[in-house]
Amino acid sequence: MKKLALAVVVTMASSSCAMAANEVTKSPPAAPYEQVSKLVKLPDFLPGMGELFVDPTTLPAGPFLAYDHHGKLVSTIYMLPIKELSPDKRFDNLAAPGGNVDHVDVYYNAGHPGVPEPHVHVVLWHVPVADEARVAK
């Protein structure tokens, strides 16, 4: 009986993750996500990143959902302030609302509208490296 109950819980959890991923795979994602360009002075589409959406309550770290020109999710981006990267601060369990992660990029950014202080971009790509070109221009 315990094994059956555990199997039901695992199946439900897997289904919830799959449903959550399906809710964000196409632009625009459901609330609480909002288009970043409507929150701060940025273009609707950022070359190299895409069209960004974020839950404003999670700023500045995110996650930011990034979509290509056809409204398909390509990555989940976290913007972690450099000043918060210390032995006393952890960023655990960075979720990937879009589901499976193919690969990860990490790079420095000196700041921009919305996240003006220096920070690190942690990009969880949901597409293969070759498909990053979908947001290149």
N, C-alpha and C. Protein backbone atom coordinates (compact mmCIF):
# COMPACT_ATOMS: atom_id res chain seq x y z
N MET A 1 0.83 -1.20 0.00
CA MET A 1 0.00 0.00 0.00
C MET A 1 0.87 1.26 0.00
N LYS A 2 1.96 1.24 0.81
CA LYS A 2 2.85 2.40 0.85
C LYS A 2 3.49 2.64 -0.50
N LYS A 3 3.87 1.56 -1.21
CA LYS A 3 4.48 1.70 -2.52
C LYS A 3 3.50 2.32 -3.51
N LEU A 4 2.24 1.92 -3.42
CA LEU A 4 1.22 2.46 -4.31
C LEU A 4 1.03 3.95 -4.03
N ALA A 5 0.95 4.32 -2.75
CA ALA A 5 0.78 5.72 -2.38
C ALA A 5 1.96 6.55 -2.88
N LEU A 6 3.18 6.01 -2.72
CA LEU A 6 4.37 6.72 -3.19
C LEU A 6 4.33 6.87 -4.71
N ALA A 7 3.92 5.84 -5.41
CA ALA A 7 3.83 5.90 -6.87
C ALA A 7 2.83 6.97 -7.30
N VAL A 8 1.72 7.09 -6.61
CA VAL A 8 0.71 8.10 -6.93
C VAL A 8 1.29 9.50 -6.71
N VAL A 9 1.99 9.71 -5.59
CA VAL A 9 2.58 11.01 -5.29
C VAL A 9 3.62 11.38 -6.35
N VAL A 10 4.50 10.44 -6.70
CA VAL A 10 5.53 10.71 -7.71
C VAL A 10 4.90 11.03 -9.05
N THR A 11 3.87 10.28 -9.43
CA THR A 11 3.17 10.53 -10.70
C THR A 11 2.53 11.90 -10.70
N MET A 12 1.88 12.27 -9.60
CA MET A 12 1.24 13.58 -9.51
C MET A 12 2.28 14.68 -9.57
N ALA A 13 3.40 14.54 -8.89
CA ALA A 13 4.46 15.54 -8.90
C ALA A 13 5.02 15.70 -10.30
N SER A 14 5.24 14.59 -10.99
CA SER A 14 5.74 14.63 -12.36
C SER A 14 4.74 15.33 -13.27
N SER A 15 3.48 15.05 -13.09
CA SER A 15 2.43 15.68 -13.89
C SER A 15 2.38 17.17 -13.62
N SER A 16 2.54 17.58 -12.35
CA SER A 16 2.53 19.00 -12.01
C SER A 16 3.68 19.72 -12.67
N CYS A 17 4.87 19.10 -12.66
CA CYS A 17 6.04 19.71 -13.31
C CYS A 17 5.78 19.84 -14.81
N ALA A 18 5.24 18.80 -15.41
CA ALA A 18 4.96 18.84 -16.84
C ALA A 18 3.93 19.90 -17.16
N MET A 19 2.88 20.01 -16.32
CA MET A 19 1.86 21.03 -16.56
C MET A 19 2.47 22.41 -16.39
N ALA A 20 3.30 22.63 -15.38
CA ALA A 20 3.93 23.93 -15.16
C ALA A 20 4.79 24.28 -16.36
N ALA A 21 5.55 23.32 -16.88
CA ALA A 21 6.39 23.57 -18.05
C ALA A 21 5.53 23.94 -19.25
N ASN A 22 4.40 23.24 -19.45
CA ASN A 22 3.53 23.53 -20.58
C ASN A 22 2.95 24.94 -20.49
N GLU A 23 2.74 25.45 -19.29
CA GLU A 23 2.15 26.78 -19.12
C GLU A 23 3.11 27.90 -19.53
N VAL A 24 4.40 27.62 -19.63
CA VAL A 24 5.37 28.65 -19.96
C VAL A 24 6.09 28.40 -21.28
N THR A 25 5.78 27.33 -21.98
CA THR A 25 6.52 27.01 -23.20
C THR A 25 6.18 27.94 -24.35
N LYS A 26 5.06 28.63 -24.31
CA LYS A 26 4.67 29.58 -25.34
C LYS A 26 4.47 30.96 -24.72
N SER A 27 4.85 31.98 -25.48
CA SER A 27 4.70 33.37 -25.04
C SER A 27 3.30 33.85 -25.41
N PRO A 28 2.66 34.61 -24.56
CA PRO A 28 3.12 35.04 -23.24
C PRO A 28 2.77 34.01 -22.17
N PRO A 29 3.63 33.88 -21.16
CA PRO A 29 3.32 32.96 -20.07
C PRO A 29 2.21 33.55 -19.19
N ALA A 30 1.57 32.68 -18.44
CA ALA A 30 0.48 33.11 -17.56
C ALA A 30 1.02 33.94 -16.39
N ALA A 31 0.12 34.68 -15.75
CA ALA A 31 0.47 35.44 -14.55
C ALA A 31 1.07 34.48 -13.53
N PRO A 32 2.02 34.91 -12.77
CA PRO A 32 2.40 36.28 -12.45
C PRO A 32 3.47 36.86 -13.37
N TYR A 33 3.84 36.15 -14.45
CA TYR A 33 4.88 36.67 -15.35
C TYR A 33 4.39 37.89 -16.11
N GLU A 34 5.28 38.89 -16.24
CA GLU A 34 4.99 40.10 -16.99
C GLU A 34 6.13 40.36 -17.96
N GLN A 35 5.81 40.99 -19.08
CA GLN A 35 6.83 41.29 -20.08
C GLN A 35 7.80 42.32 -19.50
N VAL A 36 9.08 42.03 -19.53
CA VAL A 36 10.10 42.89 -18.94
C VAL A 36 10.10 44.28 -19.58
N SER A 37 9.88 44.35 -20.90
CA SER A 37 9.90 45.64 -21.59
C SER A 37 8.76 46.55 -21.15
N LYS A 38 7.76 46.01 -20.49
CA LYS A 38 6.67 46.84 -19.95
C LYS A 38 6.97 47.28 -18.51
N LEU A 39 7.98 46.67 -17.90
CA LEU A 39 8.37 47.00 -16.53
C LEU A 39 9.53 47.99 -16.47
N VAL A 40 10.46 47.87 -17.42
CA VAL A 40 11.63 48.74 -17.47
C VAL A 40 11.90 49.13 -18.92
N LYS A 41 12.75 50.15 -19.08
CA LYS A 41 13.03 50.65 -20.42
C LYS A 41 14.02 49.73 -21.12
N LEU A 42 13.49 48.72 -21.77
CA LEU A 42 14.24 47.76 -22.58
C LEU A 42 13.42 47.44 -23.82
N PRO A 43 14.06 47.04 -24.91
CA PRO A 43 13.28 46.63 -26.09
C PRO A 43 12.50 45.35 -25.82
N ASP A 44 11.46 45.11 -26.63
CA ASP A 44 10.66 43.89 -26.47
C ASP A 44 11.51 42.64 -26.69
N PHE A 45 12.50 42.72 -27.60
CA PHE A 45 13.34 41.58 -27.93
C PHE A 45 14.80 41.99 -27.79
N LEU A 46 15.54 41.26 -26.98
CA LEU A 46 16.96 41.54 -26.76
C LEU A 46 17.80 40.50 -27.51
N PRO A 47 18.56 40.93 -28.52
CA PRO A 47 19.40 39.97 -29.25
C PRO A 47 20.31 39.20 -28.28
N GLY A 48 20.34 37.90 -28.45
CA GLY A 48 21.13 37.04 -27.58
C GLY A 48 20.34 36.49 -26.41
N MET A 49 19.23 37.14 -26.09
CA MET A 49 18.40 36.68 -24.97
C MET A 49 16.99 36.34 -25.42
N GLY A 50 16.37 37.23 -26.17
CA GLY A 50 15.01 37.01 -26.64
C GLY A 50 14.03 37.96 -26.00
N GLU A 51 12.76 37.59 -26.04
CA GLU A 51 11.69 38.36 -25.39
C GLU A 51 11.59 37.84 -23.96
N LEU A 52 11.75 38.74 -22.99
CA LEU A 52 11.83 38.33 -21.59
C LEU A 52 10.55 38.60 -20.81
N PHE A 53 10.23 37.65 -19.92
CA PHE A 53 9.12 37.78 -18.98
C PHE A 53 9.64 37.41 -17.60
N VAL A 54 9.10 38.07 -16.56
CA VAL A 54 9.52 37.79 -15.18
C VAL A 54 8.35 38.02 -14.24
N ASP A 55 8.37 37.31 -13.13
CA ASP A 55 7.46 37.61 -12.02
C ASP A 55 8.13 38.75 -11.26
N PRO A 56 7.55 39.96 -11.25
CA PRO A 56 8.21 41.11 -10.62
C PRO A 56 8.59 40.89 -9.15
N THR A 57 7.91 40.00 -8.47
CA THR A 57 8.24 39.76 -7.05
C THR A 57 9.55 39.02 -6.89
N THR A 58 10.10 38.46 -7.97
CA THR A 58 11.35 37.70 -7.88
C THR A 58 12.58 38.52 -8.27
N LEU A 59 12.37 39.80 -8.61
CA LEU A 59 13.50 40.65 -9.01
C LEU A 59 14.45 40.89 -7.84
N PRO A 60 15.73 41.04 -8.06
CA PRO A 60 16.36 41.12 -9.38
C PRO A 60 16.78 39.76 -9.94
N ALA A 61 16.75 38.70 -9.15
CA ALA A 61 17.32 37.42 -9.59
C ALA A 61 16.49 36.71 -10.66
N GLY A 62 15.19 36.78 -10.58
CA GLY A 62 14.36 36.05 -11.54
C GLY A 62 13.89 34.73 -10.96
N PRO A 63 13.41 33.87 -11.80
CA PRO A 63 13.79 33.56 -13.16
C PRO A 63 13.10 34.43 -14.21
N PHE A 64 13.86 34.72 -15.27
CA PHE A 64 13.35 35.39 -16.45
C PHE A 64 13.13 34.30 -17.51
N LEU A 65 11.98 34.32 -18.14
CA LEU A 65 11.69 33.37 -19.21
C LEU A 65 12.00 34.06 -20.53
N ALA A 66 12.78 33.41 -21.39
CA ALA A 66 13.23 34.00 -22.65
C ALA A 66 12.64 33.24 -23.83
N TYR A 67 12.02 33.99 -24.75
CA TYR A 67 11.32 33.40 -25.90
C TYR A 67 11.93 33.88 -27.21
N ASP A 68 11.85 33.02 -28.25
CA ASP A 68 12.34 33.40 -29.57
C ASP A 68 11.28 34.24 -30.29
N HIS A 69 11.55 34.59 -31.55
CA HIS A 69 10.63 35.43 -32.34
C HIS A 69 9.29 34.76 -32.61
N HIS A 70 9.21 33.46 -32.42
CA HIS A 70 7.96 32.72 -32.67
C HIS A 70 7.23 32.40 -31.36
N GLY A 71 7.70 33.00 -30.25
CA GLY A 71 7.03 32.80 -28.97
C GLY A 71 7.32 31.47 -28.30
N LYS A 72 8.41 30.80 -28.70
CA LYS A 72 8.77 29.53 -28.08
C LYS A 72 9.86 29.76 -27.04
N LEU A 73 9.70 29.13 -25.89
CA LEU A 73 10.67 29.27 -24.80
C LEU A 73 12.00 28.67 -25.20
N VAL A 74 13.07 29.44 -25.02
CA VAL A 74 14.41 28.93 -25.32
C VAL A 74 15.28 28.81 -24.08
N SER A 75 15.05 29.68 -23.08
CA SER A 75 15.88 29.61 -21.88
C SER A 75 15.19 30.22 -20.67
N THR A 76 15.74 29.88 -19.53
CA THR A 76 15.38 30.50 -18.25
C THR A 76 16.66 31.18 -17.77
N ILE A 77 16.55 32.46 -17.40
CA ILE A 77 17.74 33.23 -17.03
C ILE A 77 17.60 33.73 -15.61
N TYR A 78 18.67 33.58 -14.85
CA TYR A 78 18.77 34.18 -13.52
C TYR A 78 19.81 35.28 -13.60
N MET A 79 19.56 36.41 -12.93
CA MET A 79 20.49 37.53 -12.88
C MET A 79 20.87 37.74 -11.41
N LEU A 80 22.00 37.19 -11.05
CA LEU A 80 22.42 37.17 -9.65
C LEU A 80 23.38 38.31 -9.36
N PRO A 81 22.99 39.26 -8.49
CA PRO A 81 23.85 40.39 -8.18
C PRO A 81 25.20 39.94 -7.59
N ILE A 82 26.29 40.50 -8.13
CA ILE A 82 27.64 40.17 -7.68
C ILE A 82 27.77 40.42 -6.18
N LYS A 83 27.19 41.53 -5.69
CA LYS A 83 27.34 41.86 -4.27
C LYS A 83 26.70 40.82 -3.36
N GLU A 84 25.80 40.00 -3.91
CA GLU A 84 25.15 38.96 -3.10
C GLU A 84 25.84 37.60 -3.20
N LEU A 85 26.87 37.51 -4.04
CA LEU A 85 27.62 36.26 -4.16
C LEU A 85 28.72 36.27 -3.11
N SER A 86 28.43 35.67 -1.99
CA SER A 86 29.37 35.63 -0.88
C SER A 86 29.20 34.30 -0.14
N PRO A 87 30.14 34.00 0.77
CA PRO A 87 30.00 32.76 1.53
C PRO A 87 28.71 32.68 2.36
N ASP A 88 28.12 33.84 2.65
CA ASP A 88 26.91 33.85 3.49
C ASP A 88 25.61 33.78 2.68
N LYS A 89 25.70 33.89 1.37
CA LYS A 89 24.50 33.91 0.53
C LYS A 89 24.53 32.74 -0.45
N ARG A 90 23.42 32.05 -0.54
CA ARG A 90 23.30 30.92 -1.46
C ARG A 90 22.11 31.13 -2.38
N PHE A 91 22.22 30.64 -3.57
CA PHE A 91 21.12 30.61 -4.52
C PHE A 91 20.87 29.13 -4.82
N ASP A 92 20.07 28.51 -3.97
CA ASP A 92 19.80 27.08 -4.09
C ASP A 92 18.56 26.82 -4.92
N ASN A 93 18.52 25.64 -5.49
CA ASN A 93 17.33 25.15 -6.19
C ASN A 93 16.81 26.12 -7.24
N LEU A 94 17.70 26.60 -8.11
CA LEU A 94 17.28 27.47 -9.19
C LEU A 94 16.39 26.65 -10.13
N ALA A 95 15.14 26.99 -10.16
CA ALA A 95 14.16 26.23 -10.93
C ALA A 95 14.28 26.53 -12.42
N ALA A 96 13.87 25.58 -13.22
CA ALA A 96 13.78 25.75 -14.67
C ALA A 96 12.31 25.56 -15.04
N PRO A 97 11.50 26.63 -14.93
CA PRO A 97 10.07 26.50 -15.18
C PRO A 97 9.73 25.91 -16.55
N GLY A 98 10.63 26.02 -17.51
CA GLY A 98 10.38 25.51 -18.85
C GLY A 98 10.70 24.05 -19.03
N GLY A 99 11.13 23.37 -17.98
CA GLY A 99 11.40 21.95 -18.10
C GLY A 99 12.86 21.63 -18.27
N ASN A 100 13.14 20.61 -19.09
CA ASN A 100 14.49 20.09 -19.25
C ASN A 100 15.49 21.17 -19.66
N VAL A 101 16.70 21.06 -19.11
CA VAL A 101 17.79 21.97 -19.43
C VAL A 101 18.80 21.21 -20.27
N ASP A 102 19.12 21.75 -21.45
CA ASP A 102 20.10 21.13 -22.34
C ASP A 102 21.53 21.47 -21.93
N HIS A 103 21.76 22.74 -21.61
CA HIS A 103 23.08 23.19 -21.18
C HIS A 103 22.95 24.52 -20.45
N VAL A 104 24.04 24.96 -19.82
CA VAL A 104 24.02 26.16 -18.98
C VAL A 104 25.18 27.07 -19.38
N ASP A 105 24.91 28.38 -19.46
CA ASP A 105 25.94 29.40 -19.67
C ASP A 105 25.93 30.33 -18.46
N VAL A 106 27.11 30.79 -18.08
CA VAL A 106 27.24 31.76 -16.99
C VAL A 106 28.17 32.86 -17.47
N TYR A 107 27.72 34.12 -17.35
CA TYR A 107 28.58 35.23 -17.76
C TYR A 107 28.26 36.50 -16.97
N TYR A 108 29.25 37.38 -16.93
CA TYR A 108 29.18 38.66 -16.20
C TYR A 108 28.42 39.70 -17.01
N ASN A 109 27.67 40.57 -16.32
CA ASN A 109 27.01 41.71 -16.94
C ASN A 109 27.22 42.90 -16.01
N ALA A 110 27.65 44.03 -16.55
CA ALA A 110 27.94 45.23 -15.75
C ALA A 110 26.69 45.93 -15.24
N GLY A 111 25.53 45.56 -15.77
CA GLY A 111 24.26 46.18 -15.35
C GLY A 111 23.50 46.72 -16.54
N HIS A 112 22.20 46.82 -16.39
CA HIS A 112 21.31 47.31 -17.45
C HIS A 112 20.01 47.72 -16.79
N PRO A 113 19.09 48.40 -17.52
CA PRO A 113 17.81 48.75 -16.93
C PRO A 113 17.12 47.52 -16.33
N GLY A 114 16.62 47.69 -15.14
CA GLY A 114 15.94 46.59 -14.44
C GLY A 114 16.84 45.91 -13.44
N VAL A 115 18.11 45.71 -13.80
CA VAL A 115 19.12 45.14 -12.89
C VAL A 115 20.39 45.97 -13.10
N PRO A 116 20.41 47.19 -12.52
CA PRO A 116 21.50 48.12 -12.81
C PRO A 116 22.87 47.77 -12.19
N GLU A 117 22.87 47.00 -11.10
CA GLU A 117 24.15 46.67 -10.48
C GLU A 117 24.81 45.50 -11.22
N PRO A 118 26.15 45.39 -11.11
CA PRO A 118 26.83 44.26 -11.75
C PRO A 118 26.26 42.93 -11.26
N HIS A 119 26.12 42.01 -12.20
CA HIS A 119 25.52 40.72 -11.87
C HIS A 119 26.03 39.63 -12.81
N VAL A 120 25.68 38.41 -12.49
CA VAL A 120 26.02 37.26 -13.30
C VAL A 120 24.74 36.72 -13.92
N HIS A 121 24.77 36.47 -15.22
CA HIS A 121 23.65 35.80 -15.88
C HIS A 121 23.92 34.30 -15.84
N VAL A 122 22.95 33.57 -15.32
CA VAL A 122 22.98 32.10 -15.35
C VAL A 122 21.86 31.71 -16.31
N VAL A 123 22.24 31.20 -17.47
CA VAL A 123 21.27 30.90 -18.52
C VAL A 123 21.09 29.39 -18.61
N LEU A 124 19.88 28.94 -18.30
CA LEU A 124 19.51 27.53 -18.40
C LEU A 124 18.83 27.35 -19.76
N TRP A 125 19.57 26.84 -20.74
CA TRP A 125 19.04 26.69 -22.09
C TRP A 125 18.16 25.45 -22.19
N HIS A 126 16.98 25.64 -22.74
CA HIS A 126 16.04 24.53 -22.96
C HIS A 126 16.18 23.98 -24.38
N VAL A 127 17.05 24.58 -25.17
CA VAL A 127 17.27 24.16 -26.55
C VAL A 127 18.75 23.81 -26.73
N PRO A 128 19.08 23.01 -27.76
CA PRO A 128 20.48 22.70 -28.02
C PRO A 128 21.27 23.95 -28.43
N VAL A 129 22.58 23.89 -28.32
CA VAL A 129 23.46 25.01 -28.66
C VAL A 129 23.13 25.56 -30.04
N ALA A 130 22.92 24.69 -31.00
CA ALA A 130 22.63 25.15 -32.37
C ALA A 130 21.37 26.00 -32.44
N ASP A 131 20.43 25.78 -31.55
CA ASP A 131 19.16 26.54 -31.56
C ASP A 131 19.25 27.87 -30.82
N GLU A 132 20.39 28.17 -30.20
CA GLU A 132 20.56 29.49 -29.57
C GLU A 132 20.44 30.59 -30.60
N ALA A 133 20.72 30.27 -31.85
CA ALA A 133 20.62 31.25 -32.94
C ALA A 133 19.21 31.81 -33.07
N ARG A 134 18.22 31.13 -32.53
CA ARG A 134 16.82 31.60 -32.60
C ARG A 134 16.63 32.93 -31.87
N VAL A 135 17.56 33.28 -30.98
CA VAL A 135 17.47 34.56 -30.28
C VAL A 135 18.68 35.45 -30.56
N ALA A 136 19.53 35.07 -31.51
CA ALA A 136 20.75 35.83 -31.80
C ALA A 136 20.43 37.23 -32.36
N LYS A 137 19.39 37.33 -33.16
CA LYS A 137 19.03 38.63 -33.79
C LYS A 137 17.60 38.97 -33.50
